[in-house]
Amino acid sequence: MKLYYHPVSTTSRPVWLFIAENGIDCELKVVDLMKGEHYQPEYVAINPNRMVPVLEDGDFRLTESSAILKYLAEKTGSSTYPKELRLRAKVNEMMDWINTQVCVSSPTAWSTRRSSPTTSGAATRRTPAPSPGARKKLKGG
């Protein structure tokens, strides 16, 4: 298996930690988000969404952290993802809450979703244009 991730990514970190804590044999490949590696053609071929993490298990690929964690838990028989329906539903509920409430408001999620590739391939933050009133103040009026 191979995990494409970045250590500061709030969506990568739980997958990376699960792999480490469970001693799963997995090659770790850092995708440097700060250098815009997720916009390079080599990585876009792996994940057209240009985000981390990505798990490859042979010819099988997953691109969402929640799905990756569930897959790894099932594959390893981990008790952290219970078989009993209601217990599993509570785990799913918390995972969905984290992915919809916590991760989308983090600086890493914000910067990677609000960046665009430049001609050199580096990521840059899009800055909104100043309002007409702000432009007037900048001009000294």
N, C-alpha and C. Protein backbone atom coordinates (compact mmCIF):
# COMPACT_ATOMS: atom_id res chain seq x y z
N MET A 1 0.84 -1.18 0.00
CA MET A 1 0.00 0.00 0.00
C MET A 1 0.88 1.24 0.00
N LYS A 2 0.28 2.34 -0.49
CA LYS A 2 0.97 3.62 -0.50
C LYS A 2 -0.02 4.70 -0.08
N LEU A 3 0.43 5.59 0.81
CA LEU A 3 -0.37 6.72 1.25
C LEU A 3 0.30 8.01 0.79
N TYR A 4 -0.44 8.80 0.01
CA TYR A 4 -0.02 10.14 -0.36
C TYR A 4 -0.67 11.07 0.66
N TYR A 5 0.13 11.90 1.32
CA TYR A 5 -0.39 12.72 2.42
C TYR A 5 0.50 13.92 2.64
N HIS A 6 0.07 14.80 3.54
CA HIS A 6 0.94 15.86 4.05
C HIS A 6 0.70 15.94 5.55
N PRO A 7 1.76 16.02 6.37
CA PRO A 7 1.61 15.98 7.82
C PRO A 7 0.75 17.10 8.41
N VAL A 8 0.67 18.27 7.78
CA VAL A 8 -0.16 19.34 8.34
C VAL A 8 -1.61 19.25 7.90
N SER A 9 -1.91 18.37 6.98
CA SER A 9 -3.28 18.22 6.49
C SER A 9 -4.16 17.58 7.55
N THR A 10 -5.23 18.25 7.92
CA THR A 10 -6.13 17.72 8.95
C THR A 10 -6.89 16.50 8.46
N THR A 11 -6.95 16.29 7.16
CA THR A 11 -7.60 15.08 6.65
C THR A 11 -6.59 13.95 6.48
N SER A 12 -5.33 14.28 6.30
CA SER A 12 -4.29 13.24 6.19
C SER A 12 -3.89 12.66 7.53
N ARG A 13 -3.82 13.52 8.53
CA ARG A 13 -3.28 13.12 9.82
C ARG A 13 -3.98 11.90 10.44
N PRO A 14 -5.31 11.83 10.48
CA PRO A 14 -5.94 10.64 11.08
C PRO A 14 -5.59 9.34 10.34
N VAL A 15 -5.47 9.40 9.02
CA VAL A 15 -5.12 8.21 8.25
C VAL A 15 -3.69 7.80 8.56
N TRP A 16 -2.80 8.77 8.53
CA TRP A 16 -1.39 8.53 8.83
C TRP A 16 -1.23 7.93 10.23
N LEU A 17 -1.93 8.48 11.21
CA LEU A 17 -1.85 7.97 12.59
C LEU A 17 -2.44 6.58 12.71
N PHE A 18 -3.55 6.31 12.02
CA PHE A 18 -4.15 4.98 12.06
C PHE A 18 -3.17 3.94 11.51
N ILE A 19 -2.52 4.28 10.41
CA ILE A 19 -1.53 3.36 9.82
C ILE A 19 -0.39 3.10 10.80
N ALA A 20 0.12 4.17 11.41
CA ALA A 20 1.24 4.03 12.36
C ALA A 20 0.83 3.24 13.59
N GLU A 21 -0.32 3.58 14.18
CA GLU A 21 -0.76 2.91 15.41
C GLU A 21 -1.07 1.44 15.21
N ASN A 22 -1.47 1.07 14.00
CA ASN A 22 -1.83 -0.32 13.74
C ASN A 22 -0.72 -1.09 13.03
N GLY A 23 0.43 -0.48 12.86
CA GLY A 23 1.57 -1.16 12.26
C GLY A 23 1.30 -1.66 10.86
N ILE A 24 0.53 -0.92 10.09
CA ILE A 24 0.18 -1.33 8.73
C ILE A 24 1.37 -1.06 7.81
N ASP A 25 1.73 -2.08 7.03
CA ASP A 25 2.83 -1.93 6.08
C ASP A 25 2.36 -1.03 4.94
N CYS A 26 2.90 0.19 4.90
CA CYS A 26 2.43 1.18 3.93
C CYS A 26 3.57 2.14 3.61
N GLU A 27 3.79 2.37 2.34
CA GLU A 27 4.77 3.36 1.91
C GLU A 27 4.14 4.74 2.06
N LEU A 28 4.85 5.65 2.69
CA LEU A 28 4.35 7.01 2.90
C LEU A 28 5.01 7.95 1.91
N LYS A 29 4.19 8.69 1.19
CA LYS A 29 4.68 9.64 0.19
C LYS A 29 4.12 11.02 0.52
N VAL A 30 5.01 11.93 0.95
CA VAL A 30 4.59 13.29 1.27
C VAL A 30 4.36 14.05 -0.03
N VAL A 31 3.19 14.67 -0.12
CA VAL A 31 2.85 15.57 -1.22
C VAL A 31 2.96 16.97 -0.64
N ASP A 32 3.95 17.72 -1.06
CA ASP A 32 4.21 19.02 -0.47
C ASP A 32 3.19 20.06 -0.95
N LEU A 33 2.18 20.27 -0.15
CA LEU A 33 1.11 21.21 -0.49
C LEU A 33 1.64 22.63 -0.58
N MET A 34 2.63 22.96 0.25
CA MET A 34 3.16 24.32 0.29
C MET A 34 3.91 24.67 -1.00
N LYS A 35 4.41 23.65 -1.68
CA LYS A 35 5.11 23.86 -2.95
C LYS A 35 4.18 23.62 -4.15
N GLY A 36 2.94 23.28 -3.89
CA GLY A 36 1.99 23.07 -4.98
C GLY A 36 2.13 21.74 -5.69
N GLU A 37 2.74 20.74 -5.04
CA GLU A 37 2.91 19.43 -5.68
C GLU A 37 1.57 18.79 -6.05
N HIS A 38 0.50 19.14 -5.33
CA HIS A 38 -0.81 18.56 -5.63
C HIS A 38 -1.39 19.10 -6.94
N TYR A 39 -0.75 20.11 -7.53
CA TYR A 39 -1.18 20.64 -8.83
C TYR A 39 -0.31 20.13 -9.99
N GLN A 40 0.72 19.38 -9.68
CA GLN A 40 1.60 18.86 -10.73
C GLN A 40 0.91 17.71 -11.46
N PRO A 41 1.14 17.60 -12.77
CA PRO A 41 0.48 16.56 -13.57
C PRO A 41 0.63 15.15 -13.01
N GLU A 42 1.79 14.85 -12.41
CA GLU A 42 2.01 13.50 -11.85
C GLU A 42 1.00 13.21 -10.75
N TYR A 43 0.74 14.21 -9.89
CA TYR A 43 -0.20 13.99 -8.80
C TYR A 43 -1.65 14.09 -9.27
N VAL A 44 -1.93 14.98 -10.19
CA VAL A 44 -3.29 15.11 -10.72
C VAL A 44 -3.73 13.80 -11.37
N ALA A 45 -2.78 13.06 -11.95
CA ALA A 45 -3.09 11.74 -12.51
C ALA A 45 -3.50 10.75 -11.42
N ILE A 46 -2.99 10.95 -10.21
CA ILE A 46 -3.34 10.09 -9.07
C ILE A 46 -4.66 10.53 -8.47
N ASN A 47 -4.83 11.85 -8.26
CA ASN A 47 -6.07 12.39 -7.71
C ASN A 47 -6.45 13.68 -8.44
N PRO A 48 -7.39 13.58 -9.38
CA PRO A 48 -7.82 14.77 -10.12
C PRO A 48 -8.40 15.86 -9.24
N ASN A 49 -8.81 15.54 -8.01
CA ASN A 49 -9.31 16.54 -7.06
C ASN A 49 -8.18 17.39 -6.48
N ARG A 50 -6.94 16.96 -6.68
CA ARG A 50 -5.75 17.69 -6.22
C ARG A 50 -5.69 17.85 -4.70
N MET A 51 -6.12 16.83 -4.00
CA MET A 51 -6.13 16.91 -2.54
C MET A 51 -5.48 15.66 -1.95
N VAL A 52 -5.15 15.74 -0.68
CA VAL A 52 -4.63 14.60 0.07
C VAL A 52 -5.63 14.30 1.18
N PRO A 53 -5.65 13.08 1.65
CA PRO A 53 -4.82 11.93 1.34
C PRO A 53 -5.38 11.11 0.17
N VAL A 54 -4.52 10.21 -0.31
CA VAL A 54 -4.90 9.20 -1.28
C VAL A 54 -4.26 7.90 -0.82
N LEU A 55 -5.04 6.83 -0.82
CA LEU A 55 -4.50 5.51 -0.49
C LEU A 55 -4.56 4.64 -1.74
N GLU A 56 -3.44 4.01 -2.06
CA GLU A 56 -3.40 3.03 -3.13
C GLU A 56 -3.11 1.68 -2.51
N ASP A 57 -3.94 0.71 -2.85
CA ASP A 57 -3.75 -0.67 -2.41
C ASP A 57 -3.78 -1.52 -3.67
N GLY A 58 -2.61 -1.73 -4.24
CA GLY A 58 -2.54 -2.39 -5.54
C GLY A 58 -3.15 -1.48 -6.59
N ASP A 59 -4.14 -2.00 -7.31
CA ASP A 59 -4.79 -1.19 -8.35
C ASP A 59 -6.05 -0.49 -7.82
N PHE A 60 -6.27 -0.54 -6.51
CA PHE A 60 -7.43 0.09 -5.87
C PHE A 60 -6.99 1.42 -5.27
N ARG A 61 -7.80 2.46 -5.48
CA ARG A 61 -7.45 3.80 -5.00
C ARG A 61 -8.64 4.44 -4.31
N LEU A 62 -8.37 5.07 -3.15
CA LEU A 62 -9.37 5.86 -2.43
C LEU A 62 -8.83 7.27 -2.21
N THR A 63 -9.73 8.28 -2.31
CA THR A 63 -9.28 9.66 -2.24
C THR A 63 -9.95 10.47 -1.13
N GLU A 64 -10.67 9.84 -0.26
CA GLU A 64 -11.32 10.55 0.85
C GLU A 64 -10.90 9.92 2.17
N SER A 65 -10.52 10.75 3.13
CA SER A 65 -9.98 10.24 4.38
C SER A 65 -10.94 9.33 5.13
N SER A 66 -12.20 9.68 5.16
CA SER A 66 -13.18 8.85 5.87
C SER A 66 -13.28 7.47 5.23
N ALA A 67 -13.34 7.42 3.93
CA ALA A 67 -13.41 6.14 3.23
C ALA A 67 -12.13 5.34 3.43
N ILE A 68 -10.99 6.03 3.45
CA ILE A 68 -9.71 5.35 3.67
C ILE A 68 -9.67 4.74 5.06
N LEU A 69 -10.07 5.50 6.06
CA LEU A 69 -10.06 4.98 7.44
C LEU A 69 -10.98 3.77 7.59
N LYS A 70 -12.16 3.84 7.01
CA LYS A 70 -13.11 2.71 7.08
C LYS A 70 -12.54 1.49 6.38
N TYR A 71 -11.94 1.71 5.22
CA TYR A 71 -11.34 0.62 4.46
C TYR A 71 -10.21 -0.05 5.25
N LEU A 72 -9.32 0.77 5.82
CA LEU A 72 -8.20 0.21 6.59
C LEU A 72 -8.69 -0.52 7.84
N ALA A 73 -9.70 0.03 8.49
CA ALA A 73 -10.24 -0.63 9.68
C ALA A 73 -10.85 -1.98 9.33
N GLU A 74 -11.60 -2.02 8.23
CA GLU A 74 -12.18 -3.29 7.77
C GLU A 74 -11.09 -4.28 7.38
N LYS A 75 -10.12 -3.80 6.63
CA LYS A 75 -9.05 -4.67 6.12
C LYS A 75 -8.23 -5.28 7.25
N THR A 76 -8.01 -4.51 8.32
CA THR A 76 -7.19 -5.00 9.43
C THR A 76 -8.02 -5.63 10.55
N GLY A 77 -9.35 -5.55 10.45
CA GLY A 77 -10.20 -6.10 11.50
C GLY A 77 -10.15 -5.27 12.78
N SER A 78 -9.88 -3.98 12.65
CA SER A 78 -9.76 -3.11 13.81
C SER A 78 -11.09 -2.96 14.54
N SER A 79 -11.01 -2.97 15.86
CA SER A 79 -12.21 -2.78 16.68
C SER A 79 -12.64 -1.31 16.72
N THR A 80 -11.83 -0.41 16.16
CA THR A 80 -12.20 1.00 16.15
C THR A 80 -13.35 1.29 15.20
N TYR A 81 -13.66 0.33 14.32
CA TYR A 81 -14.81 0.47 13.42
C TYR A 81 -15.71 -0.74 13.67
N PRO A 82 -16.62 -0.61 14.63
CA PRO A 82 -17.40 -1.76 15.11
C PRO A 82 -18.27 -2.41 14.04
N LYS A 83 -18.54 -3.66 14.23
CA LYS A 83 -19.44 -4.40 13.32
C LYS A 83 -20.91 -4.12 13.65
N GLU A 84 -21.22 -3.90 14.93
CA GLU A 84 -22.61 -3.68 15.35
C GLU A 84 -23.13 -2.38 14.74
N LEU A 85 -24.30 -2.44 14.11
CA LEU A 85 -24.86 -1.36 13.31
C LEU A 85 -24.91 -0.02 14.03
N ARG A 86 -25.47 0.02 15.23
CA ARG A 86 -25.63 1.29 15.93
C ARG A 86 -24.30 1.88 16.39
N LEU A 87 -23.40 1.04 16.83
CA LEU A 87 -22.08 1.52 17.23
C LEU A 87 -21.34 2.08 16.01
N ARG A 88 -21.44 1.36 14.89
CA ARG A 88 -20.79 1.82 13.66
C ARG A 88 -21.42 3.13 13.19
N ALA A 89 -22.72 3.26 13.32
CA ALA A 89 -23.40 4.50 12.92
C ALA A 89 -22.89 5.68 13.74
N LYS A 90 -22.62 5.47 15.02
CA LYS A 90 -22.08 6.55 15.85
C LYS A 90 -20.66 6.93 15.41
N VAL A 91 -19.86 5.95 15.03
CA VAL A 91 -18.52 6.25 14.50
C VAL A 91 -18.65 7.03 13.20
N ASN A 92 -19.54 6.58 12.31
CA ASN A 92 -19.77 7.29 11.04
C ASN A 92 -20.24 8.72 11.29
N GLU A 93 -21.11 8.89 12.26
CA GLU A 93 -21.62 10.22 12.58
C GLU A 93 -20.47 11.16 12.97
N MET A 94 -19.58 10.69 13.83
CA MET A 94 -18.45 11.52 14.27
C MET A 94 -17.50 11.79 13.11
N MET A 95 -17.25 10.78 12.28
CA MET A 95 -16.36 10.99 11.14
C MET A 95 -16.95 12.01 10.16
N ASP A 96 -18.24 11.93 9.94
CA ASP A 96 -18.89 12.90 9.06
C ASP A 96 -18.86 14.30 9.66
N TRP A 97 -19.06 14.40 10.96
CA TRP A 97 -19.01 15.71 11.62
C TRP A 97 -17.62 16.32 11.48
N ILE A 98 -16.61 15.51 11.72
CA ILE A 98 -15.23 16.02 11.59
C ILE A 98 -14.97 16.50 10.17
N ASN A 99 -15.38 15.71 9.18
CA ASN A 99 -15.11 16.07 7.79
C ASN A 99 -15.94 17.24 7.28
N THR A 100 -17.10 17.48 7.87
CA THR A 100 -17.94 18.58 7.38
C THR A 100 -17.83 19.83 8.24
N GLN A 101 -17.39 19.71 9.47
CA GLN A 101 -17.35 20.86 10.37
C GLN A 101 -15.93 21.28 10.72
N VAL A 102 -15.09 20.34 11.07
CA VAL A 102 -13.75 20.67 11.54
C VAL A 102 -12.78 20.89 10.38
N CYS A 103 -12.70 19.92 9.50
CA CYS A 103 -11.68 19.97 8.44
C CYS A 103 -11.92 21.08 7.44
N VAL A 104 -13.15 21.41 7.13
CA VAL A 104 -13.40 22.46 6.14
C VAL A 104 -13.10 23.85 6.68
N SER A 105 -13.03 24.00 7.98
CA SER A 105 -12.74 25.32 8.54
C SER A 105 -11.28 25.48 8.92
N SER A 106 -10.47 24.47 8.67
CA SER A 106 -9.06 24.56 9.04
C SER A 106 -8.28 25.39 8.03
N PRO A 107 -7.18 26.01 8.45
CA PRO A 107 -6.37 26.81 7.52
C PRO A 107 -5.85 26.00 6.35
N THR A 108 -5.46 24.73 6.58
CA THR A 108 -4.95 23.91 5.49
C THR A 108 -6.03 23.66 4.46
N ALA A 109 -7.22 23.30 4.91
CA ALA A 109 -8.31 23.06 3.96
C ALA A 109 -8.64 24.34 3.21
N TRP A 110 -8.64 25.47 3.92
CA TRP A 110 -8.97 26.73 3.28
C TRP A 110 -7.94 27.07 2.22
N SER A 111 -6.67 26.95 2.55
CA SER A 111 -5.63 27.36 1.60
C SER A 111 -5.55 26.43 0.41
N THR A 112 -5.76 25.12 0.61
CA THR A 112 -5.67 24.22 -0.54
C THR A 112 -6.90 24.30 -1.41
N ARG A 113 -8.04 24.64 -0.86
CA ARG A 113 -9.25 24.77 -1.68
C ARG A 113 -9.34 26.13 -2.34
N ARG A 114 -8.65 27.12 -1.81
CA ARG A 114 -8.73 28.46 -2.35
C ARG A 114 -7.46 28.86 -3.12
N SER A 115 -6.68 27.87 -3.50
CA SER A 115 -5.48 28.18 -4.24
C SER A 115 -5.63 27.74 -5.68
N SER A 116 -4.82 28.31 -6.54
CA SER A 116 -4.86 27.96 -7.95
C SER A 116 -3.45 27.83 -8.46
N PRO A 117 -3.25 27.00 -9.47
CA PRO A 117 -1.90 26.83 -9.98
C PRO A 117 -1.46 28.05 -10.78
N THR A 118 -0.19 28.37 -10.68
CA THR A 118 0.36 29.42 -11.52
C THR A 118 1.08 28.74 -12.67
N THR A 119 1.64 29.50 -13.56
CA THR A 119 2.34 28.89 -14.68
C THR A 119 3.52 28.04 -14.24
N SER A 120 4.09 28.36 -13.08
CA SER A 120 5.21 27.56 -12.58
C SER A 120 4.74 26.32 -11.83
N GLY A 121 3.44 26.21 -11.58
CA GLY A 121 2.91 25.06 -10.87
C GLY A 121 2.78 25.29 -9.38
N ALA A 122 3.25 26.41 -8.86
CA ALA A 122 3.15 26.68 -7.43
C ALA A 122 1.75 27.17 -7.10
N ALA A 123 1.30 26.88 -5.90
CA ALA A 123 -0.03 27.31 -5.48
C ALA A 123 0.04 28.74 -4.96
N THR A 124 -0.95 29.54 -5.30
CA THR A 124 -1.05 30.90 -4.78
C THR A 124 -2.45 31.11 -4.25
N ARG A 125 -2.56 31.94 -3.24
CA ARG A 125 -3.86 32.22 -2.65
C ARG A 125 -4.57 33.27 -3.49
N ARG A 126 -5.84 33.04 -3.77
CA ARG A 126 -6.64 34.03 -4.48
C ARG A 126 -7.06 35.10 -3.50
N THR A 127 -6.80 36.33 -3.83
CA THR A 127 -7.17 37.45 -2.98
C THR A 127 -8.30 38.20 -3.66
N PRO A 128 -9.42 38.43 -2.97
CA PRO A 128 -10.52 39.15 -3.59
C PRO A 128 -10.12 40.59 -3.90
N ALA A 129 -10.69 41.12 -4.96
CA ALA A 129 -10.43 42.52 -5.32
C ALA A 129 -11.04 43.42 -4.26
N PRO A 130 -10.38 44.56 -3.98
CA PRO A 130 -10.95 45.48 -2.98
C PRO A 130 -12.26 46.07 -3.48
N SER A 131 -13.13 46.38 -2.54
CA SER A 131 -14.42 46.98 -2.88
C SER A 131 -14.19 48.39 -3.42
N PRO A 132 -15.18 48.96 -4.14
CA PRO A 132 -15.02 50.33 -4.64
C PRO A 132 -14.67 51.33 -3.54
N GLY A 133 -15.29 51.21 -2.36
CA GLY A 133 -15.00 52.11 -1.25
C GLY A 133 -13.56 51.96 -0.76
N ALA A 134 -13.09 50.74 -0.71
CA ALA A 134 -11.71 50.49 -0.27
C ALA A 134 -10.72 51.03 -1.31
N ARG A 135 -11.05 50.86 -2.59
CA ARG A 135 -10.16 51.40 -3.63
C ARG A 135 -10.06 52.92 -3.52
N LYS A 136 -11.18 53.58 -3.22
CA LYS A 136 -11.20 55.04 -3.08
C LYS A 136 -10.30 55.46 -1.92
N LYS A 137 -10.38 54.72 -0.78
CA LYS A 137 -9.55 55.04 0.38
C LYS A 137 -8.07 54.81 0.07
N LEU A 138 -7.76 53.75 -0.71
CA LEU A 138 -6.39 53.49 -1.08
C LEU A 138 -5.81 54.61 -1.95
N LYS A 139 -6.65 55.20 -2.78
CA LYS A 139 -6.21 56.29 -3.67
C LYS A 139 -6.14 57.63 -2.93
N GLY A 140 -6.58 57.64 -1.69
CA GLY A 140 -6.53 58.86 -0.90
C GLY A 140 -7.77 59.72 -1.02
N GLY A 141 -8.89 59.12 -1.43
CA GLY A 141 -10.12 59.91 -1.62
C GLY A 141 -11.16 59.67 -0.69
